[in-house]
Amino acid sequence: MIEVIPAINAESFEEVKSKIKLVEPHVKWAHLDIADGTFTPNTLWHNASDLLTLETPLLVEVHLMISDMDTRWQDWILPKVDRIIFHAEAAHDPEFVLNKIKESKKEVGVAISPETDWKKLKPFCRVADLVQTLAVPPGRAGQAFKPDILDKIKHIRKSHPKAIIEVDGGINLETGKKCAHAGANILVSANYIFGSGDIKKAIEELKNVS
Protein backbone atom coordinates (compact mmCIF):
# COMPACT_ATOMS: atom_id res chain seq x y z
CA MET A 1 0.00 0.00 0.00
CA ILE A 2 1.30 3.44 -0.93
CA GLU A 3 1.85 6.00 1.83
CA VAL A 4 -0.33 9.12 1.81
CA ILE A 5 0.71 12.37 3.50
CA PRO A 6 -1.73 15.29 3.68
CA ALA A 7 -0.24 18.61 2.58
CA ILE A 8 -0.97 21.51 4.91
CA ASN A 9 -1.10 24.58 2.66
CA ALA A 10 -2.06 27.43 5.00
CA GLU A 11 -2.04 31.20 5.39
CA SER A 12 -1.66 31.17 9.18
CA PHE A 13 -0.41 28.95 11.97
CA GLU A 14 -3.97 28.65 13.29
CA GLU A 15 -4.94 27.14 9.94
CA VAL A 16 -1.92 24.82 10.10
CA LYS A 17 -3.02 23.53 13.48
CA SER A 18 -6.68 23.10 12.52
CA LYS A 19 -5.81 21.13 9.38
CA ILE A 20 -3.42 18.90 11.28
CA LYS A 21 -6.20 18.09 13.77
CA LEU A 22 -8.47 17.03 10.89
CA VAL A 23 -6.01 14.40 9.63
CA GLU A 24 -4.46 13.21 12.92
CA PRO A 25 -6.68 10.11 13.24
CA HIS A 26 -5.91 8.89 9.73
CA VAL A 27 -2.19 9.25 8.93
CA LYS A 28 1.31 9.00 10.38
CA TRP A 29 2.81 12.15 8.83
CA ALA A 30 1.79 15.74 8.05
CA HIS A 31 3.46 17.72 5.27
CA LEU A 32 3.77 21.47 5.91
CA ASP A 33 4.18 23.69 2.84
CA ILE A 34 6.49 26.64 3.56
CA ALA A 35 6.67 29.59 1.15
CA ASP A 36 7.94 33.11 1.87
CA GLY A 37 7.86 34.53 -1.66
CA THR A 38 11.58 34.06 -2.36
CA PHE A 39 11.32 30.77 -4.29
CA THR A 40 7.61 31.02 -5.08
CA PRO A 41 5.32 33.77 -6.43
CA ASN A 42 3.14 33.54 -3.33
CA THR A 43 3.55 33.32 0.41
CA LEU A 44 2.19 30.78 2.89
CA TRP A 45 2.69 30.41 6.61
CA HIS A 46 6.48 30.31 7.13
CA ASN A 47 7.30 31.18 10.75
CA ALA A 48 9.52 28.35 11.98
CA SER A 49 9.37 29.39 15.64
CA ASP A 50 5.61 28.73 15.71
CA LEU A 51 6.42 25.02 15.60
CA LEU A 52 7.92 25.23 19.07
CA THR A 53 4.34 25.30 20.36
CA LEU A 54 2.89 22.65 18.03
CA GLU A 55 1.25 19.72 19.77
CA THR A 56 0.47 16.71 17.59
CA PRO A 57 1.18 12.97 17.67
CA LEU A 58 1.99 13.10 13.95
CA LEU A 59 5.46 13.13 12.49
CA VAL A 60 6.08 16.39 10.63
CA GLU A 61 7.89 17.03 7.37
CA VAL A 62 8.43 20.61 6.21
CA HIS A 63 8.61 21.29 2.47
CA LEU A 64 10.81 24.37 2.25
CA MET A 65 9.93 26.26 -0.93
CA ILE A 66 12.36 29.04 0.02
CA SER A 67 15.65 30.33 -1.37
CA ASP A 68 19.12 30.52 0.23
CA MET A 69 18.92 27.04 1.69
CA ASP A 70 22.69 26.98 2.25
CA THR A 71 22.06 28.93 5.46
CA ARG A 72 18.31 28.88 6.07
CA TRP A 73 18.09 25.13 6.74
CA GLN A 74 19.19 25.97 10.28
CA ASP A 75 15.91 27.77 11.07
CA TRP A 76 13.99 24.50 10.77
CA ILE A 77 16.11 22.28 13.01
CA LEU A 78 13.39 22.12 15.63
CA PRO A 79 12.22 19.37 18.01
CA LYS A 80 8.86 18.95 16.26
CA VAL A 81 10.34 18.75 12.74
CA ASP A 82 11.18 15.17 11.80
CA ARG A 83 12.00 15.62 8.11
CA ILE A 84 13.16 18.59 6.06
CA ILE A 85 12.57 18.66 2.31
CA PHE A 86 14.43 21.35 0.38
CA HIS A 87 14.75 22.16 -3.32
CA ALA A 88 17.97 21.34 -5.10
CA GLU A 89 17.44 24.53 -7.14
CA ALA A 90 17.34 26.64 -3.95
CA ALA A 91 20.84 25.79 -2.72
CA HIS A 92 24.25 26.62 -4.15
CA ASP A 93 25.56 23.38 -2.62
CA PRO A 94 22.69 20.90 -2.09
CA GLU A 95 25.08 18.20 -0.86
CA PHE A 96 26.30 20.52 1.90
CA VAL A 97 22.72 21.26 2.97
CA LEU A 98 21.79 17.58 2.95
CA ASN A 99 24.77 16.65 5.09
CA LYS A 100 24.14 19.45 7.59
CA ILE A 101 20.52 18.38 8.04
CA LYS A 102 21.60 14.77 8.55
CA GLU A 103 24.22 15.88 11.09
CA SER A 104 21.34 17.52 12.96
CA LYS A 105 19.65 14.11 13.28
CA LYS A 106 16.76 14.94 10.97
CA GLU A 107 15.53 13.02 7.96
CA VAL A 108 16.12 14.88 4.72
CA GLY A 109 14.45 14.96 1.33
CA VAL A 110 15.63 16.66 -1.85
CA ALA A 111 13.01 18.05 -4.22
CA ILE A 112 12.96 19.34 -7.79
CA SER A 113 10.46 21.58 -9.54
CA PRO A 114 8.61 20.39 -12.68
CA GLU A 115 10.98 22.07 -15.15
CA THR A 116 14.13 20.52 -13.60
CA ASP A 117 15.72 17.45 -15.17
CA TRP A 118 15.35 14.31 -13.06
CA LYS A 119 19.12 13.79 -13.24
CA LYS A 120 19.47 16.66 -10.76
CA LEU A 121 18.28 14.15 -8.14
CA LYS A 122 20.68 11.35 -9.07
CA PRO A 123 23.41 12.34 -6.56
CA PHE A 124 20.87 12.18 -3.73
CA CYS A 125 18.91 9.03 -4.47
CA ARG A 126 21.14 6.85 -2.27
CA VAL A 127 21.92 9.33 0.50
CA ALA A 128 18.67 11.24 1.05
CA ASP A 129 15.80 9.68 2.99
CA LEU A 130 13.60 10.51 0.01
CA VAL A 131 13.58 12.41 -3.25
CA GLN A 132 10.59 14.44 -4.32
CA THR A 133 9.29 15.27 -7.78
CA LEU A 134 7.01 18.28 -7.59
CA ALA A 135 4.23 17.85 -10.15
CA VAL A 136 3.12 21.50 -10.15
CA PRO A 137 5.02 24.81 -9.96
CA PRO A 138 6.02 25.40 -6.33
CA GLY A 139 3.74 27.47 -4.14
CA ARG A 140 0.01 27.29 -4.71
CA ALA A 141 -2.33 24.37 -4.01
CA GLY A 142 -4.91 23.31 -6.57
CA GLN A 143 -2.72 23.48 -9.68
CA ALA A 144 -2.99 20.99 -12.53
CA PHE A 145 -0.77 17.90 -12.45
CA LYS A 146 1.98 17.88 -15.10
CA PRO A 147 1.98 14.39 -16.67
CA ASP A 148 5.61 14.55 -17.84
CA ILE A 149 6.47 14.05 -14.15
CA LEU A 150 5.62 10.38 -14.67
CA ASP A 151 8.66 9.91 -16.89
CA LYS A 152 10.84 11.41 -14.16
CA ILE A 153 9.48 8.93 -11.63
CA LYS A 154 10.10 6.02 -14.02
CA HIS A 155 13.69 7.13 -14.68
CA ILE A 156 14.44 7.51 -10.97
CA ARG A 157 12.87 4.14 -10.14
CA LYS A 158 14.80 2.38 -12.92
CA SER A 159 18.16 3.90 -12.00
CA HIS A 160 17.66 3.66 -8.21
CA PRO A 161 15.30 0.78 -7.38
CA LYS A 162 15.54 1.35 -3.62
CA ALA A 163 14.97 5.12 -3.62
CA ILE A 164 11.95 6.47 -1.76
CA ILE A 165 10.09 8.70 -4.22
CA GLU A 166 7.56 11.24 -3.02
CA VAL A 167 5.25 13.04 -5.47
CA ASP A 168 3.60 16.30 -4.53
CA GLY A 169 1.09 18.45 -6.43
CA GLY A 170 -2.17 17.79 -8.25
CA ILE A 171 -2.61 14.39 -6.63
CA ASN A 172 -6.06 12.79 -6.88
CA LEU A 173 -7.22 9.24 -7.56
CA GLU A 174 -6.35 9.36 -11.25
CA THR A 175 -2.95 11.04 -10.99
CA GLY A 176 -2.10 9.17 -7.79
CA LYS A 177 -2.64 5.84 -9.52
CA LYS A 178 -0.40 6.88 -12.41
CA CYS A 179 2.33 7.96 -9.99
CA ALA A 180 2.10 4.70 -8.05
CA HIS A 181 2.35 2.66 -11.24
CA ALA A 182 5.35 4.74 -12.33
CA GLY A 183 7.15 3.86 -9.10
CA ALA A 184 6.24 6.43 -6.43
CA ASN A 185 6.19 5.39 -2.77
CA ILE A 186 4.55 8.45 -1.21
CA LEU A 187 1.68 10.65 -2.42
CA VAL A 188 1.30 14.13 -0.96
CA SER A 189 -2.12 15.68 -1.46
CA ALA A 190 -3.86 18.84 -0.29
CA ASN A 191 -6.99 19.70 -2.28
CA TYR A 192 -8.18 16.14 -2.87
CA ILE A 193 -8.07 15.40 0.85
CA PHE A 194 -9.26 18.66 2.39
CA GLY A 195 -11.80 19.41 -0.33
CA SER A 196 -13.34 15.95 -0.31
CA GLY A 197 -15.99 16.33 2.36
CA ASP A 198 -14.82 13.01 3.83
CA ILE A 199 -11.17 13.20 4.78
CA LYS A 200 -10.89 9.63 6.06
CA LYS A 201 -12.41 8.21 2.86
CA ALA A 202 -10.21 10.37 0.61
CA ILE A 203 -7.04 9.22 2.39
CA GLU A 204 -8.06 5.56 2.26
CA GLU A 205 -8.88 5.84 -1.45
CA LEU A 206 -5.46 7.32 -2.16
CA LYS A 207 -3.73 4.61 -0.12
CA ASN A 208 -5.34 1.99 -2.34
CA VAL A 209 -4.66 3.50 -5.78
CA SER A 210 -1.94 0.98 -6.55
C-alpha atoms as a PDB file:
ATOM      1  CA  MET A   1       0.000   0.000   0.000  1.00  0.00           C
ATOM      2  CA  ILE A   2       1.296   3.442  -0.927  1.00  0.00           C
ATOM      3  CA  GLU A   3       1.848   6.004   1.833  1.00  0.00           C
ATOM      4  CA  VAL A   4      -0.334   9.119   1.808  1.00  0.00           C
ATOM      5  CA  ILE A   5       0.714  12.368   3.503  1.00  0.00           C
ATOM      6  CA  PRO A   6      -1.734  15.292   3.676  1.00  0.00           C
ATOM      7  CA  ALA A   7      -0.239  18.613   2.578  1.00  0.00           C
ATOM      8  CA  ILE A   8      -0.975  21.512   4.911  1.00  0.00           C
ATOM      9  CA  ASN A   9      -1.103  24.575   2.665  1.00  0.00           C
ATOM     10  CA  ALA A  10      -2.060  27.431   5.003  1.00  0.00           C
ATOM     11  CA  GLU A  11      -2.041  31.197   5.388  1.00  0.00           C
ATOM     12  CA  SER A  12      -1.660  31.174   9.176  1.00  0.00           C
ATOM     13  CA  PHE A  13      -0.414  28.949  11.970  1.00  0.00           C
ATOM     14  CA  GLU A  14      -3.975  28.654  13.288  1.00  0.00           C
ATOM     15  CA  GLU A  15      -4.941  27.138   9.940  1.00  0.00           C
ATOM     16  CA  VAL A  16      -1.920  24.820  10.101  1.00  0.00           C
ATOM     17  CA  LYS A  17      -3.021  23.527  13.482  1.00  0.00           C
ATOM     18  CA  SER A  18      -6.675  23.105  12.517  1.00  0.00           C
ATOM     19  CA  LYS A  19      -5.808  21.133   9.376  1.00  0.00           C
ATOM     20  CA  ILE A  20      -3.417  18.899  11.280  1.00  0.00           C
ATOM     21  CA  LYS A  21      -6.203  18.090  13.765  1.00  0.00           C
ATOM     22  CA  LEU A  22      -8.468  17.030  10.890  1.00  0.00           C
ATOM     23  CA  VAL A  23      -6.006  14.397   9.633  1.00  0.00           C
ATOM     24  CA  GLU A  24      -4.457  13.207  12.920  1.00  0.00           C
ATOM     25  CA  PRO A  25      -6.677  10.106  13.241  1.00  0.00           C
ATOM     26  CA  HIS A  26      -5.907   8.886   9.725  1.00  0.00           C
ATOM     27  CA  VAL A  27      -2.186   9.254   8.931  1.00  0.00           C
ATOM     28  CA  LYS A  28       1.308   9.005  10.380  1.00  0.00           C
ATOM     29  CA  TRP A  29       2.807  12.155   8.825  1.00  0.00           C
ATOM     30  CA  ALA A  30       1.787  15.744   8.055  1.00  0.00           C
ATOM     31  CA  HIS A  31       3.458  17.725   5.265  1.00  0.00           C
ATOM     32  CA  LEU A  32       3.774  21.475   5.911  1.00  0.00           C
ATOM     33  CA  ASP A  33       4.183  23.685   2.841  1.00  0.00           C
ATOM     34  CA  ILE A  34       6.490  26.636   3.555  1.00  0.00           C
ATOM     35  CA  ALA A  35       6.674  29.587   1.147  1.00  0.00           C
ATOM     36  CA  ASP A  36       7.937  33.106   1.867  1.00  0.00           C
ATOM     37  CA  GLY A  37       7.859  34.532  -1.657  1.00  0.00           C
ATOM     38  CA  THR A  38      11.578  34.061  -2.362  1.00  0.00           C
ATOM     39  CA  PHE A  39      11.322  30.771  -4.291  1.00  0.00           C
ATOM     40  CA  THR A  40       7.613  31.021  -5.084  1.00  0.00           C
ATOM     41  CA  PRO A  41       5.318  33.769  -6.431  1.00  0.00           C
ATOM     42  CA  ASN A  42       3.135  33.537  -3.327  1.00  0.00           C
ATOM     43  CA  THR A  43       3.552  33.321   0.414  1.00  0.00           C
ATOM     44  CA  LEU A  44       2.194  30.784   2.888  1.00  0.00           C
ATOM     45  CA  TRP A  45       2.694  30.412   6.606  1.00  0.00           C
ATOM     46  CA  HIS A  46       6.476  30.308   7.129  1.00  0.00           C
ATOM     47  CA  ASN A  47       7.296  31.183  10.746  1.00  0.00           C
ATOM     48  CA  ALA A  48       9.520  28.355  11.979  1.00  0.00           C
ATOM     49  CA  SER A  49       9.373  29.391  15.636  1.00  0.00           C
ATOM     50  CA  ASP A  50       5.613  28.727  15.714  1.00  0.00           C
ATOM     51  CA  LEU A  51       6.415  25.024  15.598  1.00  0.00           C
ATOM     52  CA  LEU A  52       7.923  25.233  19.070  1.00  0.00           C
ATOM     53  CA  THR A  53       4.336  25.303  20.356  1.00  0.00           C
ATOM     54  CA  LEU A  54       2.894  22.651  18.029  1.00  0.00           C
ATOM     55  CA  GLU A  55       1.249  19.720  19.772  1.00  0.00           C
ATOM     56  CA  THR A  56       0.466  16.709  17.588  1.00  0.00           C
ATOM     57  CA  PRO A  57       1.183  12.969  17.666  1.00  0.00           C
ATOM     58  CA  LEU A  58       1.985  13.096  13.949  1.00  0.00           C
ATOM     59  CA  LEU A  59       5.455  13.134  12.487  1.00  0.00           C
ATOM     60  CA  VAL A  60       6.075  16.390  10.633  1.00  0.00           C
ATOM     61  CA  GLU A  61       7.890  17.029   7.375  1.00  0.00           C
ATOM     62  CA  VAL A  62       8.426  20.610   6.205  1.00  0.00           C
ATOM     63  CA  HIS A  63       8.605  21.287   2.469  1.00  0.00           C
ATOM     64  CA  LEU A  64      10.808  24.369   2.248  1.00  0.00           C
ATOM     65  CA  MET A  65       9.934  26.257  -0.929  1.00  0.00           C
ATOM     66  CA  ILE A  66      12.356  29.040   0.024  1.00  0.00           C
ATOM     67  CA  SER A  67      15.649  30.330  -1.365  1.00  0.00           C
ATOM     68  CA  ASP A  68      19.118  30.519   0.226  1.00  0.00           C
ATOM     69  CA  MET A  69      18.923  27.042   1.692  1.00  0.00           C
ATOM     70  CA  ASP A  70      22.691  26.984   2.247  1.00  0.00           C
ATOM     71  CA  THR A  71      22.060  28.931   5.462  1.00  0.00           C
ATOM     72  CA  ARG A  72      18.306  28.879   6.075  1.00  0.00           C
ATOM     73  CA  TRP A  73      18.089  25.135   6.735  1.00  0.00           C
ATOM     74  CA  GLN A  74      19.188  25.975  10.282  1.00  0.00           C
ATOM     75  CA  ASP A  75      15.913  27.773  11.065  1.00  0.00           C
ATOM     76  CA  TRP A  76      13.994  24.503  10.771  1.00  0.00           C
ATOM     77  CA  ILE A  77      16.107  22.283  13.009  1.00  0.00           C
ATOM     78  CA  LEU A  78      13.389  22.121  15.631  1.00  0.00           C
ATOM     79  CA  PRO A  79      12.217  19.373  18.007  1.00  0.00           C
ATOM     80  CA  LYS A  80       8.859  18.950  16.258  1.00  0.00           C
ATOM     81  CA  VAL A  81      10.342  18.755  12.736  1.00  0.00           C
ATOM     82  CA  ASP A  82      11.177  15.174  11.799  1.00  0.00           C
ATOM     83  CA  ARG A  83      12.002  15.618   8.110  1.00  0.00           C
ATOM     84  CA  ILE A  84      13.165  18.589   6.055  1.00  0.00           C
ATOM     85  CA  ILE A  85      12.567  18.660   2.308  1.00  0.00           C
ATOM     86  CA  PHE A  86      14.428  21.349   0.380  1.00  0.00           C
ATOM     87  CA  HIS A  87      14.748  22.156  -3.315  1.00  0.00           C
ATOM     88  CA  ALA A  88      17.970  21.339  -5.100  1.00  0.00           C
ATOM     89  CA  GLU A  89      17.437  24.528  -7.139  1.00  0.00           C
ATOM     90  CA  ALA A  90      17.341  26.641  -3.953  1.00  0.00           C
ATOM     91  CA  ALA A  91      20.843  25.787  -2.724  1.00  0.00           C
ATOM     92  CA  HIS A  92      24.252  26.623  -4.151  1.00  0.00           C
ATOM     93  CA  ASP A  93      25.562  23.382  -2.618  1.00  0.00           C
ATOM     94  CA  PRO A  94      22.691  20.904  -2.094  1.00  0.00           C
ATOM     95  CA  GLU A  95      25.078  18.197  -0.865  1.00  0.00           C
ATOM     96  CA  PHE A  96      26.296  20.517   1.899  1.00  0.00           C
ATOM     97  CA  VAL A  97      22.718  21.260   2.966  1.00  0.00           C
ATOM     98  CA  LEU A  98      21.785  17.582   2.951  1.00  0.00           C
ATOM     99  CA  ASN A  99      24.770  16.650   5.093  1.00  0.00           C
ATOM    100  CA  LYS A 100      24.135  19.451   7.586  1.00  0.00           C
ATOM    101  CA  ILE A 101      20.519  18.384   8.044  1.00  0.00           C
ATOM    102  CA  LYS A 102      21.602  14.769   8.548  1.00  0.00           C
ATOM    103  CA  GLU A 103      24.217  15.882  11.086  1.00  0.00           C
ATOM    104  CA  SER A 104      21.337  17.524  12.962  1.00  0.00           C
ATOM    105  CA  LYS A 105      19.654  14.112  13.281  1.00  0.00           C
ATOM    106  CA  LYS A 106      16.762  14.937  10.975  1.00  0.00           C
ATOM    107  CA  GLU A 107      15.526  13.017   7.963  1.00  0.00           C
ATOM    108  CA  VAL A 108      16.116  14.878   4.716  1.00  0.00           C
ATOM    109  CA  GLY A 109      14.452  14.960   1.330  1.00  0.00           C
ATOM    110  CA  VAL A 110      15.635  16.662  -1.850  1.00  0.00           C
ATOM    111  CA  ALA A 111      13.007  18.049  -4.221  1.00  0.00           C
ATOM    112  CA  ILE A 112      12.964  19.336  -7.789  1.00  0.00           C
ATOM    113  CA  SER A 113      10.460  21.577  -9.545  1.00  0.00           C
ATOM    114  CA  PRO A 114       8.611  20.388 -12.682  1.00  0.00           C
ATOM    115  CA  GLU A 115      10.985  22.067 -15.147  1.00  0.00           C
ATOM    116  CA  THR A 116      14.127  20.524 -13.596  1.00  0.00           C
ATOM    117  CA  ASP A 117      15.719  17.447 -15.174  1.00  0.00           C
ATOM    118  CA  TRP A 118      15.351  14.306 -13.062  1.00  0.00           C
ATOM    119  CA  LYS A 119      19.124  13.791 -13.244  1.00  0.00           C
ATOM    120  CA  LYS A 120      19.465  16.661 -10.758  1.00  0.00           C
ATOM    121  CA  LEU A 121      18.278  14.149  -8.145  1.00  0.00           C
ATOM    122  CA  LYS A 122      20.683  11.348  -9.067  1.00  0.00           C
ATOM    123  CA  PRO A 123      23.414  12.337  -6.562  1.00  0.00           C
ATOM    124  CA  PHE A 124      20.868  12.184  -3.733  1.00  0.00           C
ATOM    125  CA  CYS A 125      18.910   9.025  -4.471  1.00  0.00           C
ATOM    126  CA  ARG A 126      21.139   6.846  -2.271  1.00  0.00           C
ATOM    127  CA  VAL A 127      21.915   9.334   0.500  1.00  0.00           C
ATOM    128  CA  ALA A 128      18.669  11.243   1.053  1.00  0.00           C
ATOM    129  CA  ASP A 129      15.800   9.682   2.993  1.00  0.00           C
ATOM    130  CA  LEU A 130      13.602  10.510   0.011  1.00  0.00           C
ATOM    131  CA  VAL A 131      13.582  12.413  -3.254  1.00  0.00           C
ATOM    132  CA  GLN A 132      10.585  14.445  -4.319  1.00  0.00           C
ATOM    133  CA  THR A 133       9.292  15.269  -7.785  1.00  0.00           C
ATOM    134  CA  LEU A 134       7.012  18.281  -7.594  1.00  0.00           C
ATOM    135  CA  ALA A 135       4.231  17.849 -10.155  1.00  0.00           C
ATOM    136  CA  VAL A 136       3.124  21.498 -10.146  1.00  0.00           C
ATOM    137  CA  PRO A 137       5.017  24.805  -9.956  1.00  0.00           C
ATOM    138  CA  PRO A 138       6.017  25.398  -6.327  1.00  0.00           C
ATOM    139  CA  GLY A 139       3.737  27.467  -4.137  1.00  0.00           C
ATOM    140  CA  ARG A 140       0.013  27.286  -4.712  1.00  0.00           C
ATOM    141  CA  ALA A 141      -2.326  24.375  -4.010  1.00  0.00           C
ATOM    142  CA  GLY A 142      -4.915  23.310  -6.566  1.00  0.00           C
ATOM    143  CA  GLN A 143      -2.723  23.479  -9.681  1.00  0.00           C
ATOM    144  CA  ALA A 144      -2.987  20.989 -12.532  1.00  0.00           C
ATOM    145  CA  PHE A 145      -0.768  17.903 -12.453  1.00  0.00           C
ATOM    146  CA  LYS A 146       1.978  17.884 -15.103  1.00  0.00           C
ATOM    147  CA  PRO A 147       1.985  14.389 -16.674  1.00  0.00           C
ATOM    148  CA  ASP A 148       5.608  14.550 -17.836  1.00  0.00           C
ATOM    149  CA  ILE A 149       6.470  14.052 -14.150  1.00  0.00           C
ATOM    150  CA  LEU A 150       5.619  10.380 -14.670  1.00  0.00           C
ATOM    151  CA  ASP A 151       8.656   9.908 -16.887  1.00  0.00           C
ATOM    152  CA  LYS A 152      10.843  11.406 -14.157  1.00  0.00           C
ATOM    153  CA  ILE A 153       9.483   8.930 -11.634  1.00  0.00           C
ATOM    154  CA  LYS A 154      10.104   6.025 -14.017  1.00  0.00           C
ATOM    155  CA  HIS A 155      13.693   7.132 -14.677  1.00  0.00           C
ATOM    156  CA  ILE A 156      14.444   7.514 -10.974  1.00  0.00           C
ATOM    157  CA  ARG A 157      12.874   4.142 -10.140  1.00  0.00           C
ATOM    158  CA  LYS A 158      14.796   2.385 -12.919  1.00  0.00           C
ATOM    159  CA  SER A 159      18.159   3.896 -12.000  1.00  0.00           C
ATOM    160  CA  HIS A 160      17.658   3.662  -8.215  1.00  0.00           C
ATOM    161  CA  PRO A 161      15.296   0.781  -7.382  1.00  0.00           C
ATOM    162  CA  LYS A 162      15.544   1.353  -3.618  1.00  0.00           C
ATOM    163  CA  ALA A 163      14.967   5.122  -3.619  1.00  0.00           C
ATOM    164  CA  ILE A 164      11.949   6.469  -1.757  1.00  0.00           C
ATOM    165  CA  ILE A 165      10.094   8.698  -4.222  1.00  0.00           C
ATOM    166  CA  GLU A 166       7.557  11.242  -3.024  1.00  0.00           C
ATOM    167  CA  VAL A 167       5.252  13.038  -5.468  1.00  0.00           C
ATOM    168  CA  ASP A 168       3.598  16.304  -4.527  1.00  0.00           C
ATOM    169  CA  GLY A 169       1.094  18.446  -6.426  1.00  0.00           C
ATOM    170  CA  GLY A 170      -2.169  17.795  -8.255  1.00  0.00           C
ATOM    171  CA  ILE A 171      -2.609  14.389  -6.634  1.00  0.00           C
ATOM    172  CA  ASN A 172      -6.056  12.791  -6.879  1.00  0.00           C
ATOM    173  CA  LEU A 173      -7.219   9.238  -7.555  1.00  0.00           C
ATOM    174  CA  GLU A 174      -6.350   9.359 -11.247  1.00  0.00           C
ATOM    175  CA  THR A 175      -2.953  11.042 -10.992  1.00  0.00           C
ATOM    176  CA  GLY A 176      -2.096   9.169  -7.793  1.00  0.00           C
ATOM    177  CA  LYS A 177      -2.644   5.839  -9.525  1.00  0.00           C
ATOM    178  CA  LYS A 178      -0.402   6.876 -12.409  1.00  0.00           C
ATOM    179  CA  CYS A 179       2.329   7.959  -9.988  1.00  0.00           C
ATOM    180  CA  ALA A 180       2.097   4.696  -8.048  1.00  0.00           C
ATOM    181  CA  HIS A 181       2.353   2.660 -11.239  1.00  0.00           C
ATOM    182  CA  ALA A 182       5.354   4.744 -12.329  1.00  0.00           C
ATOM    183  CA  GLY A 183       7.146   3.863  -9.096  1.00  0.00           C
ATOM    184  CA  ALA A 184       6.244   6.432  -6.432  1.00  0.00           C
ATOM    185  CA  ASN A 185       6.193   5.388  -2.772  1.00  0.00           C
ATOM    186  CA  ILE A 186       4.551   8.453  -1.214  1.00  0.00           C
ATOM    187  CA  LEU A 187       1.684  10.649  -2.424  1.00  0.00           C
ATOM    188  CA  VAL A 188       1.303  14.133  -0.957  1.00  0.00           C
ATOM    189  CA  SER A 189      -2.124  15.682  -1.457  1.00  0.00           C
ATOM    190  CA  ALA A 190      -3.863  18.837  -0.287  1.00  0.00           C
ATOM    191  CA  ASN A 191      -6.994  19.698  -2.284  1.00  0.00           C
ATOM    192  CA  TYR A 192      -8.181  16.137  -2.872  1.00  0.00           C
ATOM    193  CA  ILE A 193      -8.071  15.396   0.852  1.00  0.00           C
ATOM    194  CA  PHE A 194      -9.264  18.660   2.393  1.00  0.00           C
ATOM    195  CA  GLY A 195     -11.798  19.412  -0.331  1.00  0.00           C
ATOM    196  CA  SER A 196     -13.335  15.955  -0.309  1.00  0.00           C
ATOM    197  CA  GLY A 197     -15.994  16.330   2.364  1.00  0.00           C
ATOM    198  CA  ASP A 198     -14.822  13.008   3.828  1.00  0.00           C
ATOM    199  CA  ILE A 199     -11.167  13.201   4.784  1.00  0.00           C
ATOM    200  CA  LYS A 200     -10.891   9.632   6.057  1.00  0.00           C
ATOM    201  CA  LYS A 201     -12.406   8.205   2.862  1.00  0.00           C
ATOM    202  CA  ALA A 202     -10.211  10.368   0.609  1.00  0.00           C
ATOM    203  CA  ILE A 203      -7.044   9.220   2.390  1.00  0.00           C
ATOM    204  CA  GLU A 204      -8.064   5.558   2.265  1.00  0.00           C
ATOM    205  CA  GLU A 205      -8.880   5.837  -1.448  1.00  0.00           C
ATOM    206  CA  LEU A 206      -5.460   7.322  -2.162  1.00  0.00           C
ATOM    207  CA  LYS A 207      -3.727   4.613  -0.124  1.00  0.00           C
ATOM    208  CA  ASN A 208      -5.337   1.994  -2.343  1.00  0.00           C
ATOM    209  CA  VAL A 209      -4.665   3.504  -5.777  1.00  0.00           C
ATOM    210  CA  SER A 210      -1.944   0.982  -6.553  1.00  0.00           C
END
